[in-house]
Amino acid sequence: MMKKQKPVYKGVEFDSREEIEFYMWLDEAANHGLIFDGFTYQPMPYELSSKRTRLETEQLKTKVKKVEKHLLHPHKYTADFQFRLTMKGERLNMFISDRSTGLVVVDVKGGFNQHGGDREFSINQKWVFDKYGVYVNKVVPEKLFEASWCPVEARLTEKTRQVKKKYENCRTIEEFLK
């Protein structure tokens, strides 16, 4: 069975079309001074649990040897994006950021999730906050676009360059900022 190819935008391979649309949103936000340039896609992972082993004794022919036996794999969580809001962007009150650094961490989710990723995300979100004090914002691009604006590139279909039905009533960033 062939693996499904991941979508590519501006030479970057993304995990989903929703991630590309959020990338477009961040690009427009940066161009309008709402976030600082240099947002990061898939930043460094957070280690939530390290590898766990157990020391056991193993009887060899002539001696007893201590052997490390594997119990649990390490658990790491990698967010989809991280960026910093400018003062102008903070006034929009759209994301929860770290008070000291202004860092916003985001996990992008689609409207439909067939493999239970939302349950796993919820656990990872709590765990990252508990261990690192970092709140991971869940973003569903379609809902974000309704509440703010839809990027021009995301608004259009790839082939025919017509406005997508789901985004036909969304504002542009210029309309949103007025």
C-alpha atoms as a PDB file:
ATOM      1  CA  MET A   1       0.000   0.000   0.000  1.00  0.00           C
ATOM      2  CA  MET A   2       1.373   3.418  -0.963  1.00  0.00           C
ATOM      3  CA  LYS A   3       1.695   6.133   1.637  1.00  0.00           C
ATOM      4  CA  LYS A   4      -0.368   9.253   1.046  1.00  0.00           C
ATOM      5  CA  GLN A   5       1.843  12.166   0.000  1.00  0.00           C
ATOM      6  CA  LYS A   6       1.979  15.074   2.399  1.00  0.00           C
ATOM      7  CA  PRO A   7       0.979  18.510   1.055  1.00  0.00           C
ATOM      8  CA  VAL A   8       3.797  20.947   0.207  1.00  0.00           C
ATOM      9  CA  TYR A   9       3.593  24.753   0.302  1.00  0.00           C
ATOM     10  CA  LYS A  10       6.491  27.111  -0.408  1.00  0.00           C
ATOM     11  CA  GLY A  11       8.868  24.148  -0.377  1.00  0.00           C
ATOM     12  CA  VAL A  12       7.814  23.018   3.116  1.00  0.00           C
ATOM     13  CA  GLU A  13       6.154  19.624   3.678  1.00  0.00           C
ATOM     14  CA  PHE A  14       3.175  19.901   6.039  1.00  0.00           C
ATOM     15  CA  ASP A  15       1.121  17.225   7.779  1.00  0.00           C
ATOM     16  CA  SER A  16      -2.230  18.610   6.572  1.00  0.00           C
ATOM     17  CA  ARG A  17      -3.968  21.186   4.403  1.00  0.00           C
ATOM     18  CA  GLU A  18      -5.182  22.907   7.608  1.00  0.00           C
ATOM     19  CA  GLU A  19      -1.564  23.482   8.669  1.00  0.00           C
ATOM     20  CA  ILE A  20      -0.874  25.155   5.318  1.00  0.00           C
ATOM     21  CA  GLU A  21      -3.907  27.415   5.749  1.00  0.00           C
ATOM     22  CA  PHE A  22      -2.753  28.412   9.242  1.00  0.00           C
ATOM     23  CA  TYR A  23       0.736  29.060   7.841  1.00  0.00           C
ATOM     24  CA  MET A  24      -0.908  31.424   5.305  1.00  0.00           C
ATOM     25  CA  TRP A  25      -2.766  33.133   8.178  1.00  0.00           C
ATOM     26  CA  LEU A  26       0.505  33.597  10.111  1.00  0.00           C
ATOM     27  CA  ASP A  27       2.173  34.967   6.973  1.00  0.00           C
ATOM     28  CA  GLU A  28      -0.527  37.646   6.612  1.00  0.00           C
ATOM     29  CA  ALA A  29      -0.442  38.371  10.359  1.00  0.00           C
ATOM     30  CA  ALA A  30       3.332  38.934  10.156  1.00  0.00           C
ATOM     31  CA  ASN A  31       2.978  41.178   7.091  1.00  0.00           C
ATOM     32  CA  HIS A  32       0.467  43.353   8.983  1.00  0.00           C
ATOM     33  CA  GLY A  33       2.526  43.592  12.189  1.00  0.00           C
ATOM     34  CA  LEU A  34       0.365  41.344  14.392  1.00  0.00           C
ATOM     35  CA  ILE A  35       3.129  38.816  15.013  1.00  0.00           C
ATOM     36  CA  PHE A  36       6.891  39.051  14.751  1.00  0.00           C
ATOM     37  CA  ASP A  37       8.546  37.581  11.656  1.00  0.00           C
ATOM     38  CA  GLY A  38      10.181  34.225  12.165  1.00  0.00           C
ATOM     39  CA  PHE A  39       7.348  31.979  13.299  1.00  0.00           C
ATOM     40  CA  THR A  40       8.417  28.356  13.583  1.00  0.00           C
ATOM     41  CA  TYR A  41       6.798  25.254  12.101  1.00  0.00           C
ATOM     42  CA  GLN A  42       7.201  22.143  14.285  1.00  0.00           C
ATOM     43  CA  PRO A  43       9.443  23.667  16.966  1.00  0.00           C
ATOM     44  CA  MET A  44      11.584  21.616  19.348  1.00  0.00           C
ATOM     45  CA  PRO A  45       9.597  18.821  21.025  1.00  0.00           C
ATOM     46  CA  TYR A  46       8.640  18.850  24.686  1.00  0.00           C
ATOM     47  CA  GLU A  47       9.796  15.719  26.508  1.00  0.00           C
ATOM     48  CA  LEU A  48       6.879  14.724  28.680  1.00  0.00           C
ATOM     49  CA  SER A  49       8.156  11.369  29.912  1.00  0.00           C
ATOM     50  CA  SER A  50      11.567   9.776  29.586  1.00  0.00           C
ATOM     51  CA  LYS A  51      12.339   6.180  28.665  1.00  0.00           C
ATOM     52  CA  ARG A  52      11.752   3.822  31.587  1.00  0.00           C
ATOM     53  CA  THR A  53      13.767   0.687  32.238  1.00  0.00           C
ATOM     54  CA  ARG A  54      14.185  -1.794  35.044  1.00  0.00           C
ATOM     55  CA  LEU A  55      17.319  -3.510  36.270  1.00  0.00           C
ATOM     56  CA  GLU A  56      17.009  -7.292  36.376  1.00  0.00           C
ATOM     57  CA  THR A  57      19.441 -10.054  37.117  1.00  0.00           C
ATOM     58  CA  GLU A  58      20.175 -12.634  34.473  1.00  0.00           C
ATOM     59  CA  GLN A  59      21.801 -15.960  35.304  1.00  0.00           C
ATOM     60  CA  LEU A  60      24.621 -16.803  32.899  1.00  0.00           C
ATOM     61  CA  LYS A  61      26.618 -20.111  32.939  1.00  0.00           C
ATOM     62  CA  THR A  62      29.279 -18.878  35.338  1.00  0.00           C
ATOM     63  CA  LYS A  63      27.955 -15.630  36.801  1.00  0.00           C
ATOM     64  CA  VAL A  64      24.945 -13.400  37.442  1.00  0.00           C
ATOM     65  CA  LYS A  65      24.685 -10.331  35.224  1.00  0.00           C
ATOM     66  CA  LYS A  66      22.635  -7.133  35.777  1.00  0.00           C
ATOM     67  CA  VAL A  67      20.577  -6.329  32.659  1.00  0.00           C
ATOM     68  CA  GLU A  68      18.497  -3.251  31.880  1.00  0.00           C
ATOM     69  CA  LYS A  69      15.057  -4.249  30.573  1.00  0.00           C
ATOM     70  CA  HIS A  70      12.881  -1.833  28.594  1.00  0.00           C
ATOM     71  CA  LEU A  71       9.535  -0.901  30.179  1.00  0.00           C
ATOM     72  CA  LEU A  72       8.232   2.274  28.495  1.00  0.00           C
ATOM     73  CA  HIS A  73       9.190   4.388  25.482  1.00  0.00           C
ATOM     74  CA  PRO A  74       9.773   8.112  26.011  1.00  0.00           C
ATOM     75  CA  HIS A  75       6.837  10.403  25.209  1.00  0.00           C
ATOM     76  CA  LYS A  76       7.480  13.641  23.332  1.00  0.00           C
ATOM     77  CA  TYR A  77       5.048  16.219  22.038  1.00  0.00           C
ATOM     78  CA  THR A  78       5.788  18.518  19.103  1.00  0.00           C
ATOM     79  CA  ALA A  79       3.467  21.474  18.548  1.00  0.00           C
ATOM     80  CA  ASP A  80       2.669  22.601  15.014  1.00  0.00           C
ATOM     81  CA  PHE A  81       3.685  26.274  15.307  1.00  0.00           C
ATOM     82  CA  GLN A  82       5.146  28.792  17.684  1.00  0.00           C
ATOM     83  CA  PHE A  83       5.346  32.560  17.285  1.00  0.00           C
ATOM     84  CA  ARG A  84       5.435  35.798  19.247  1.00  0.00           C
ATOM     85  CA  LEU A  85       2.692  38.418  19.209  1.00  0.00           C
ATOM     86  CA  THR A  86       3.507  42.081  18.746  1.00  0.00           C
ATOM     87  CA  MET A  87       1.782  44.673  20.984  1.00  0.00           C
ATOM     88  CA  LYS A  88      -0.709  45.202  18.144  1.00  0.00           C
ATOM     89  CA  GLY A  89      -1.349  41.426  17.970  1.00  0.00           C
ATOM     90  CA  GLU A  90      -1.750  41.073  21.758  1.00  0.00           C
ATOM     91  CA  ARG A  91      -4.660  43.534  21.679  1.00  0.00           C
ATOM     92  CA  LEU A  92      -6.628  41.119  19.459  1.00  0.00           C
ATOM     93  CA  ASN A  93      -6.885  38.685  22.404  1.00  0.00           C
ATOM     94  CA  MET A  94      -7.024  35.630  20.131  1.00  0.00           C
ATOM     95  CA  PHE A  95      -4.390  33.400  21.754  1.00  0.00           C
ATOM     96  CA  ILE A  96      -3.087  32.575  25.199  1.00  0.00           C
ATOM     97  CA  SER A  97       0.611  33.412  25.289  1.00  0.00           C
ATOM     98  CA  ASP A  98       3.378  33.013  27.834  1.00  0.00           C
ATOM     99  CA  ARG A  99       3.279  36.206  29.929  1.00  0.00           C
ATOM    100  CA  SER A 100       7.056  36.503  30.277  1.00  0.00           C
ATOM    101  CA  THR A 101       8.150  35.664  26.711  1.00  0.00           C
ATOM    102  CA  GLY A 102       5.033  36.423  24.654  1.00  0.00           C
ATOM    103  CA  LEU A 103       5.431  33.018  23.006  1.00  0.00           C
ATOM    104  CA  VAL A 104       2.311  31.442  21.505  1.00  0.00           C
ATOM    105  CA  VAL A 105       2.299  27.679  20.910  1.00  0.00           C
ATOM    106  CA  VAL A 106      -0.319  26.242  18.539  1.00  0.00           C
ATOM    107  CA  ASP A 107      -1.574  22.820  17.529  1.00  0.00           C
ATOM    108  CA  VAL A 108      -3.645  22.884  14.333  1.00  0.00           C
ATOM    109  CA  LYS A 109      -6.626  20.541  14.132  1.00  0.00           C
ATOM    110  CA  GLY A 110      -9.033  19.878  11.292  1.00  0.00           C
ATOM    111  CA  GLY A 111     -12.780  20.033  11.686  1.00  0.00           C
ATOM    112  CA  PHE A 112     -13.027  16.233  11.548  1.00  0.00           C
ATOM    113  CA  ASN A 113     -10.614  13.849  13.252  1.00  0.00           C
ATOM    114  CA  GLN A 114     -11.141  10.154  12.566  1.00  0.00           C
ATOM    115  CA  HIS A 115      -8.306   8.795  14.735  1.00  0.00           C
ATOM    116  CA  GLY A 116      -9.068  10.446  18.082  1.00  0.00           C
ATOM    117  CA  GLY A 117      -6.296  13.044  17.873  1.00  0.00           C
ATOM    118  CA  ASP A 118      -8.373  15.478  19.935  1.00  0.00           C
ATOM    119  CA  ARG A 119      -8.300  13.162  22.965  1.00  0.00           C
ATOM    120  CA  GLU A 120      -4.551  12.716  22.651  1.00  0.00           C
ATOM    121  CA  PHE A 121      -4.108  16.478  22.148  1.00  0.00           C
ATOM    122  CA  SER A 122      -6.080  17.257  25.295  1.00  0.00           C
ATOM    123  CA  ILE A 123      -3.813  15.018  27.384  1.00  0.00           C
ATOM    124  CA  ASN A 124      -0.637  16.432  25.809  1.00  0.00           C
ATOM    125  CA  GLN A 125      -1.931  20.000  26.299  1.00  0.00           C
ATOM    126  CA  LYS A 126      -2.445  19.416  30.030  1.00  0.00           C
ATOM    127  CA  TRP A 127       0.874  17.614  30.369  1.00  0.00           C
ATOM    128  CA  VAL A 128       2.880  20.371  28.599  1.00  0.00           C
ATOM    129  CA  PHE A 129       1.216  23.009  30.776  1.00  0.00           C
ATOM    130  CA  ASP A 130       1.821  21.044  33.974  1.00  0.00           C
ATOM    131  CA  LYS A 131       5.472  20.262  33.202  1.00  0.00           C
ATOM    132  CA  TYR A 132       6.594  23.423  31.342  1.00  0.00           C
ATOM    133  CA  GLY A 133       3.948  26.073  32.123  1.00  0.00           C
ATOM    134  CA  VAL A 134       3.281  26.448  28.376  1.00  0.00           C
ATOM    135  CA  TYR A 135      -0.318  26.608  27.156  1.00  0.00           C
ATOM    136  CA  VAL A 136      -0.829  24.961  23.755  1.00  0.00           C
ATOM    137  CA  ASN A 137      -3.588  26.740  21.810  1.00  0.00           C
ATOM    138  CA  LYS A 138      -5.813  24.466  19.723  1.00  0.00           C
ATOM    139  CA  VAL A 139      -6.621  26.084  16.366  1.00  0.00           C
ATOM    140  CA  VAL A 140      -9.194  24.880  13.846  1.00  0.00           C
ATOM    141  CA  PRO A 141      -8.456  27.130  10.834  1.00  0.00           C
ATOM    142  CA  GLU A 142     -12.064  27.260   9.619  1.00  0.00           C
ATOM    143  CA  LYS A 143     -13.227  28.567  13.025  1.00  0.00           C
ATOM    144  CA  LEU A 144     -10.265  30.946  13.332  1.00  0.00           C
ATOM    145  CA  PHE A 145     -11.013  32.384   9.883  1.00  0.00           C
ATOM    146  CA  GLU A 146     -14.663  32.979  10.840  1.00  0.00           C
ATOM    147  CA  ALA A 147     -13.574  34.811  14.006  1.00  0.00           C
ATOM    148  CA  SER A 148     -10.821  36.847  12.346  1.00  0.00           C
ATOM    149  CA  TRP A 149      -9.998  36.763   8.628  1.00  0.00           C
ATOM    150  CA  CYS A 150      -9.304  34.267   5.882  1.00  0.00           C
ATOM    151  CA  PRO A 151      -5.943  34.535   4.115  1.00  0.00           C
ATOM    152  CA  VAL A 152      -6.264  35.395   0.432  1.00  0.00           C
ATOM    153  CA  GLU A 153      -4.361  32.235  -0.615  1.00  0.00           C
ATOM    154  CA  ALA A 154      -6.505  29.936   1.562  1.00  0.00           C
ATOM    155  CA  ARG A 155      -9.695  31.483   0.207  1.00  0.00           C
ATOM    156  CA  LEU A 156      -9.083  30.168  -3.322  1.00  0.00           C
ATOM    157  CA  THR A 157      -9.102  26.636  -4.713  1.00  0.00           C
ATOM    158  CA  GLU A 158      -5.733  25.395  -5.991  1.00  0.00           C
ATOM    159  CA  LYS A 159      -6.833  24.445  -9.501  1.00  0.00           C
ATOM    160  CA  THR A 160      -9.559  26.883 -10.575  1.00  0.00           C
ATOM    161  CA  ARG A 161      -8.570  29.798  -8.257  1.00  0.00           C
ATOM    162  CA  GLN A 162     -12.267  30.280  -7.399  1.00  0.00           C
ATOM    163  CA  VAL A 163     -13.397  31.282  -3.887  1.00  0.00           C
ATOM    164  CA  LYS A 164     -14.083  28.199  -1.733  1.00  0.00           C
ATOM    165  CA  LYS A 165     -17.701  27.997  -0.602  1.00  0.00           C
ATOM    166  CA  LYS A 166     -16.728  27.572   3.076  1.00  0.00           C
ATOM    167  CA  TYR A 167     -14.727  30.832   3.002  1.00  0.00           C
ATOM    168  CA  GLU A 168     -16.938  33.027   0.796  1.00  0.00           C
ATOM    169  CA  ASN A 169     -18.319  35.000   3.790  1.00  0.00           C
ATOM    170  CA  CYS A 170     -14.975  35.462   5.578  1.00  0.00           C
ATOM    171  CA  ARG A 171     -13.367  38.876   5.911  1.00  0.00           C
ATOM    172  CA  THR A 172      -9.960  39.841   4.558  1.00  0.00           C
ATOM    173  CA  ILE A 173      -7.274  40.972   7.009  1.00  0.00           C
ATOM    174  CA  GLU A 174      -7.791  44.582   5.901  1.00  0.00           C
ATOM    175  CA  GLU A 175     -11.527  44.353   6.712  1.00  0.00           C
ATOM    176  CA  PHE A 176     -10.738  42.685  10.050  1.00  0.00           C
ATOM    177  CA  LEU A 177      -8.269  45.377  11.132  1.00  0.00           C
ATOM    178  CA  LYS A 178     -10.643  48.302  10.392  1.00  0.00           C
END
